[in-house]
């Protein structure tokens, strides 16, 4: 299920009032186990206080708009370190970052590709994979793309600060 555009626009305005961007809305589950997830981000990150403010304001607006005919749970969260790449502009925004791309089940070539994101050209994303090849993947065949977190570097950096 997808939210109607006017509801999406109102949620985006609430998020923008807190200086953040609404990355996406996700509706998962069904019936009384439905979860409406607002994924938000900002240049200086996302903190719990901003998520709480957005949650309270969104709850009031959603009570009025009533997009579901049943009980649901509202979640507000950041995309996390291993954030999904949702839109075409995400593939440009994160050029130079490591990504892990899983292709749709019927895609005949490589199913999973990990490497450095090189950007987009026409309707494909370009990745310089770990074997040193430049690979082009059709955007419409991507099942899921995420930033790949280099935990080893993060842990090393943390030890260096100690």
C-alpha atoms as a PDB file:
ATOM      1  CA  UNK A   1       0.000   0.000   0.000  1.00  0.00           C
ATOM      2  CA  UNK A   2       1.184   3.495  -0.782  1.00  0.00           C
ATOM      3  CA  UNK A   3       0.114   6.724   0.872  1.00  0.00           C
ATOM      4  CA  UNK A   4      -1.784   9.240  -1.229  1.00  0.00           C
ATOM      5  CA  UNK A   5       0.332  12.141  -2.508  1.00  0.00           C
ATOM      6  CA  UNK A   6      -1.378  14.860  -0.413  1.00  0.00           C
ATOM      7  CA  UNK A   7      -0.602  12.858   2.753  1.00  0.00           C
ATOM      8  CA  UNK A   8       3.000  12.357   1.579  1.00  0.00           C
ATOM      9  CA  UNK A   9       3.290  16.107   0.956  1.00  0.00           C
ATOM     10  CA  UNK A  10       1.982  16.959   4.431  1.00  0.00           C
ATOM     11  CA  UNK A  11       4.430  14.525   6.034  1.00  0.00           C
ATOM     12  CA  UNK A  12       7.299  16.017   4.000  1.00  0.00           C
ATOM     13  CA  UNK A  13       6.315  19.504   5.234  1.00  0.00           C
ATOM     14  CA  UNK A  14       6.309  18.343   8.873  1.00  0.00           C
ATOM     15  CA  UNK A  15       9.765  16.815   8.418  1.00  0.00           C
ATOM     16  CA  UNK A  16      11.053  19.930   6.614  1.00  0.00           C
ATOM     17  CA  UNK A  17       9.882  22.110   9.535  1.00  0.00           C
ATOM     18  CA  UNK A  18      12.426  20.219  11.648  1.00  0.00           C
ATOM     19  CA  UNK A  19      15.198  20.918   9.137  1.00  0.00           C
ATOM     20  CA  UNK A  20      15.205  17.380   7.786  1.00  0.00           C
ATOM     21  CA  UNK A  21      14.260  15.654   4.532  1.00  0.00           C
ATOM     22  CA  UNK A  22      11.671  12.902   4.164  1.00  0.00           C
ATOM     23  CA  UNK A  23      13.641  10.245   2.304  1.00  0.00           C
ATOM     24  CA  UNK A  24      10.747   7.832   1.927  1.00  0.00           C
ATOM     25  CA  UNK A  25       7.640   6.449   3.530  1.00  0.00           C
ATOM     26  CA  UNK A  26       7.318   2.696   3.843  1.00  0.00           C
ATOM     27  CA  UNK A  27       4.136   0.804   4.605  1.00  0.00           C
ATOM     28  CA  UNK A  28       4.873  -2.741   5.738  1.00  0.00           C
ATOM     29  CA  UNK A  29       2.684  -5.454   7.177  1.00  0.00           C
ATOM     30  CA  UNK A  30      -1.081  -5.627   6.977  1.00  0.00           C
ATOM     31  CA  UNK A  31      -4.162  -5.227   9.101  1.00  0.00           C
ATOM     32  CA  UNK A  32      -3.488  -4.257  12.700  1.00  0.00           C
ATOM     33  CA  UNK A  33       0.192  -5.162  12.220  1.00  0.00           C
ATOM     34  CA  UNK A  34       0.725  -2.393   9.649  1.00  0.00           C
ATOM     35  CA  UNK A  35       3.761  -0.185  10.198  1.00  0.00           C
ATOM     36  CA  UNK A  36       4.052   3.250   8.619  1.00  0.00           C
ATOM     37  CA  UNK A  37       7.744   4.136   8.633  1.00  0.00           C
ATOM     38  CA  UNK A  38       8.982   7.647   7.912  1.00  0.00           C
ATOM     39  CA  UNK A  39      12.661   7.610   6.968  1.00  0.00           C
ATOM     40  CA  UNK A  40      14.226  11.041   7.515  1.00  0.00           C
ATOM     41  CA  UNK A  41      17.708  12.485   7.185  1.00  0.00           C
ATOM     42  CA  UNK A  42      19.541  15.772   7.466  1.00  0.00           C
ATOM     43  CA  UNK A  43      22.944  17.268   6.789  1.00  0.00           C
ATOM     44  CA  UNK A  44      23.842  17.108  10.487  1.00  0.00           C
ATOM     45  CA  UNK A  45      22.205  13.746  11.088  1.00  0.00           C
ATOM     46  CA  UNK A  46      19.024  12.798  12.886  1.00  0.00           C
ATOM     47  CA  UNK A  47      18.554  12.710  16.635  1.00  0.00           C
ATOM     48  CA  UNK A  48      15.936  11.127  18.853  1.00  0.00           C
ATOM     49  CA  UNK A  49      14.415  14.469  19.867  1.00  0.00           C
ATOM     50  CA  UNK A  50      13.680  15.435  16.261  1.00  0.00           C
ATOM     51  CA  UNK A  51      12.219  11.988  15.571  1.00  0.00           C
ATOM     52  CA  UNK A  52       9.937  12.390  18.610  1.00  0.00           C
ATOM     53  CA  UNK A  53       8.741  15.843  17.485  1.00  0.00           C
ATOM     54  CA  UNK A  54       8.069  14.571  13.958  1.00  0.00           C
ATOM     55  CA  UNK A  55       6.258  11.527  15.351  1.00  0.00           C
ATOM     56  CA  UNK A  56       3.946  13.660  17.530  1.00  0.00           C
ATOM     57  CA  UNK A  57       3.135  16.097  14.717  1.00  0.00           C
ATOM     58  CA  UNK A  58       2.687  13.356  12.119  1.00  0.00           C
ATOM     59  CA  UNK A  59       0.393  11.426  14.478  1.00  0.00           C
ATOM     60  CA  UNK A  60      -1.930  14.409  14.815  1.00  0.00           C
ATOM     61  CA  UNK A  61      -2.026  14.958  11.050  1.00  0.00           C
ATOM     62  CA  UNK A  62      -2.533  11.252  10.353  1.00  0.00           C
ATOM     63  CA  UNK A  63      -5.393  11.088  12.873  1.00  0.00           C
ATOM     64  CA  UNK A  64      -7.174  13.733  10.789  1.00  0.00           C
ATOM     65  CA  UNK A  65      -6.294  12.266   7.368  1.00  0.00           C
ATOM     66  CA  UNK A  66      -6.875   8.667   8.537  1.00  0.00           C
ATOM     67  CA  UNK A  67      -4.980   6.889   5.701  1.00  0.00           C
ATOM     68  CA  UNK A  68      -5.695   3.412   7.148  1.00  0.00           C
ATOM     69  CA  UNK A  69      -8.996   1.870   8.150  1.00  0.00           C
ATOM     70  CA  UNK A  70      -7.331  -0.057  10.959  1.00  0.00           C
ATOM     71  CA  UNK A  71      -4.750   0.274  13.705  1.00  0.00           C
ATOM     72  CA  UNK A  72      -1.156   0.872  12.624  1.00  0.00           C
ATOM     73  CA  UNK A  73       2.175   1.753  14.198  1.00  0.00           C
ATOM     74  CA  UNK A  74       4.040   4.918  13.220  1.00  0.00           C
ATOM     75  CA  UNK A  75       7.848   4.806  13.212  1.00  0.00           C
ATOM     76  CA  UNK A  76      10.211   7.695  12.496  1.00  0.00           C
ATOM     77  CA  UNK A  77      13.846   6.789  11.909  1.00  0.00           C
ATOM     78  CA  UNK A  78      17.032   7.709  10.126  1.00  0.00           C
ATOM     79  CA  UNK A  79      18.153   5.628   7.166  1.00  0.00           C
ATOM     80  CA  UNK A  80      21.168   4.387   9.153  1.00  0.00           C
ATOM     81  CA  UNK A  81      24.766   3.908   8.098  1.00  0.00           C
ATOM     82  CA  UNK A  82      23.812   1.194   5.616  1.00  0.00           C
ATOM     83  CA  UNK A  83      20.980   3.248   4.190  1.00  0.00           C
ATOM     84  CA  UNK A  84      18.987   2.110   1.199  1.00  0.00           C
ATOM     85  CA  UNK A  85      19.264   4.036  -2.028  1.00  0.00           C
ATOM     86  CA  UNK A  86      15.647   4.787  -2.856  1.00  0.00           C
ATOM     87  CA  UNK A  87      15.622   7.244  -5.727  1.00  0.00           C
ATOM     88  CA  UNK A  88      17.652   7.938  -8.815  1.00  0.00           C
ATOM     89  CA  UNK A  89      19.244  11.028  -7.246  1.00  0.00           C
ATOM     90  CA  UNK A  90      20.546   8.822  -4.384  1.00  0.00           C
ATOM     91  CA  UNK A  91      22.766   7.101  -6.949  1.00  0.00           C
ATOM     92  CA  UNK A  92      24.297  10.486  -7.783  1.00  0.00           C
ATOM     93  CA  UNK A  93      24.446  11.748  -4.191  1.00  0.00           C
ATOM     94  CA  UNK A  94      26.512   8.760  -3.053  1.00  0.00           C
ATOM     95  CA  UNK A  95      28.989   8.559  -5.951  1.00  0.00           C
ATOM     96  CA  UNK A  96      32.325   7.353  -4.574  1.00  0.00           C
ATOM     97  CA  UNK A  97      30.736   5.344  -1.748  1.00  0.00           C
ATOM     98  CA  UNK A  98      30.767   1.572  -1.500  1.00  0.00           C
ATOM     99  CA  UNK A  99      27.425  -0.029  -2.250  1.00  0.00           C
ATOM    100  CA  UNK A 100      25.860  -3.451  -2.282  1.00  0.00           C
ATOM    101  CA  UNK A 101      23.273  -3.926  -5.017  1.00  0.00           C
ATOM    102  CA  UNK A 102      20.907  -6.889  -5.163  1.00  0.00           C
ATOM    103  CA  UNK A 103      19.194  -7.427  -8.468  1.00  0.00           C
ATOM    104  CA  UNK A 104      15.623  -8.589  -9.103  1.00  0.00           C
ATOM    105  CA  UNK A 105      15.176 -12.373  -9.064  1.00  0.00           C
ATOM    106  CA  UNK A 106      14.661 -12.635 -12.841  1.00  0.00           C
ATOM    107  CA  UNK A 107      17.733 -10.571 -13.725  1.00  0.00           C
ATOM    108  CA  UNK A 108      19.967 -12.966 -15.675  1.00  0.00           C
ATOM    109  CA  UNK A 109      23.436 -11.540 -15.022  1.00  0.00           C
ATOM    110  CA  UNK A 110      25.031 -10.904 -11.632  1.00  0.00           C
ATOM    111  CA  UNK A 111      22.596 -11.120  -8.716  1.00  0.00           C
ATOM    112  CA  UNK A 112      24.651  -9.168  -6.162  1.00  0.00           C
ATOM    113  CA  UNK A 113      27.330  -6.579  -6.876  1.00  0.00           C
ATOM    114  CA  UNK A 114      29.542  -4.862  -4.299  1.00  0.00           C
ATOM    115  CA  UNK A 115      31.853  -2.006  -5.157  1.00  0.00           C
ATOM    116  CA  UNK A 116      32.287   1.734  -5.574  1.00  0.00           C
ATOM    117  CA  UNK A 117      29.329   3.615  -6.995  1.00  0.00           C
ATOM    118  CA  UNK A 118      30.412   5.576 -10.072  1.00  0.00           C
ATOM    119  CA  UNK A 119      27.057   7.232 -10.860  1.00  0.00           C
ATOM    120  CA  UNK A 120      24.324   6.831 -13.450  1.00  0.00           C
ATOM    121  CA  UNK A 121      24.132   6.998 -17.197  1.00  0.00           C
ATOM    122  CA  UNK A 122      20.773   6.807 -18.940  1.00  0.00           C
ATOM    123  CA  UNK A 123      18.847   4.118 -17.019  1.00  0.00           C
ATOM    124  CA  UNK A 124      21.815   2.258 -15.532  1.00  0.00           C
ATOM    125  CA  UNK A 125      24.024   2.668 -12.494  1.00  0.00           C
ATOM    126  CA  UNK A 126      27.746   2.160 -12.865  1.00  0.00           C
ATOM    127  CA  UNK A 127      29.778   0.320 -10.219  1.00  0.00           C
ATOM    128  CA  UNK A 128      33.495  -0.342 -10.067  1.00  0.00           C
ATOM    129  CA  UNK A 129      33.352  -3.780  -8.423  1.00  0.00           C
ATOM    130  CA  UNK A 130      35.905  -5.419  -6.130  1.00  0.00           C
ATOM    131  CA  UNK A 131      37.409  -7.414  -9.011  1.00  0.00           C
ATOM    132  CA  UNK A 132      38.290  -4.174 -10.810  1.00  0.00           C
ATOM    133  CA  UNK A 133      35.534  -4.292 -13.433  1.00  0.00           C
ATOM    134  CA  UNK A 134      33.131  -1.497 -14.258  1.00  0.00           C
ATOM    135  CA  UNK A 135      29.644  -2.975 -14.235  1.00  0.00           C
ATOM    136  CA  UNK A 136      26.454  -1.368 -15.501  1.00  0.00           C
ATOM    137  CA  UNK A 137      23.169  -2.405 -13.914  1.00  0.00           C
ATOM    138  CA  UNK A 138      19.714  -1.366 -15.173  1.00  0.00           C
ATOM    139  CA  UNK A 139      17.926   0.688 -12.504  1.00  0.00           C
ATOM    140  CA  UNK A 140      14.559  -0.967 -13.186  1.00  0.00           C
ATOM    141  CA  UNK A 141      16.084  -4.381 -12.376  1.00  0.00           C
ATOM    142  CA  UNK A 142      17.456  -3.356  -8.957  1.00  0.00           C
ATOM    143  CA  UNK A 143      15.714  -5.080  -6.072  1.00  0.00           C
ATOM    144  CA  UNK A 144      17.648  -3.255  -3.346  1.00  0.00           C
ATOM    145  CA  UNK A 145      20.722  -1.057  -3.156  1.00  0.00           C
ATOM    146  CA  UNK A 146      22.413  -0.066   0.111  1.00  0.00           C
ATOM    147  CA  UNK A 147      25.501   1.758   1.202  1.00  0.00           C
ATOM    148  CA  UNK A 148      28.099  -0.759   2.324  1.00  0.00           C
ATOM    149  CA  UNK A 149      29.509   0.024   5.769  1.00  0.00           C
ATOM    150  CA  UNK A 150      33.252  -0.480   6.248  1.00  0.00           C
ATOM    151  CA  UNK A 151      33.106  -1.565   9.895  1.00  0.00           C
ATOM    152  CA  UNK A 152      36.820  -2.390  10.030  1.00  0.00           C
ATOM    153  CA  UNK A 153      37.769   1.206   9.180  1.00  0.00           C
ATOM    154  CA  UNK A 154      35.200   2.550  11.634  1.00  0.00           C
ATOM    155  CA  UNK A 155      36.534   0.352  14.425  1.00  0.00           C
ATOM    156  CA  UNK A 156      40.136   1.260  13.621  1.00  0.00           C
ATOM    157  CA  UNK A 157      39.243   4.954  13.653  1.00  0.00           C
ATOM    158  CA  UNK A 158      37.512   4.534  17.022  1.00  0.00           C
ATOM    159  CA  UNK A 159      40.588   2.855  18.541  1.00  0.00           C
ATOM    160  CA  UNK A 160      42.859   5.602  17.159  1.00  0.00           C
ATOM    161  CA  UNK A 161      40.800   8.247  19.036  1.00  0.00           C
ATOM    162  CA  UNK A 162      41.003   6.364  22.345  1.00  0.00           C
END
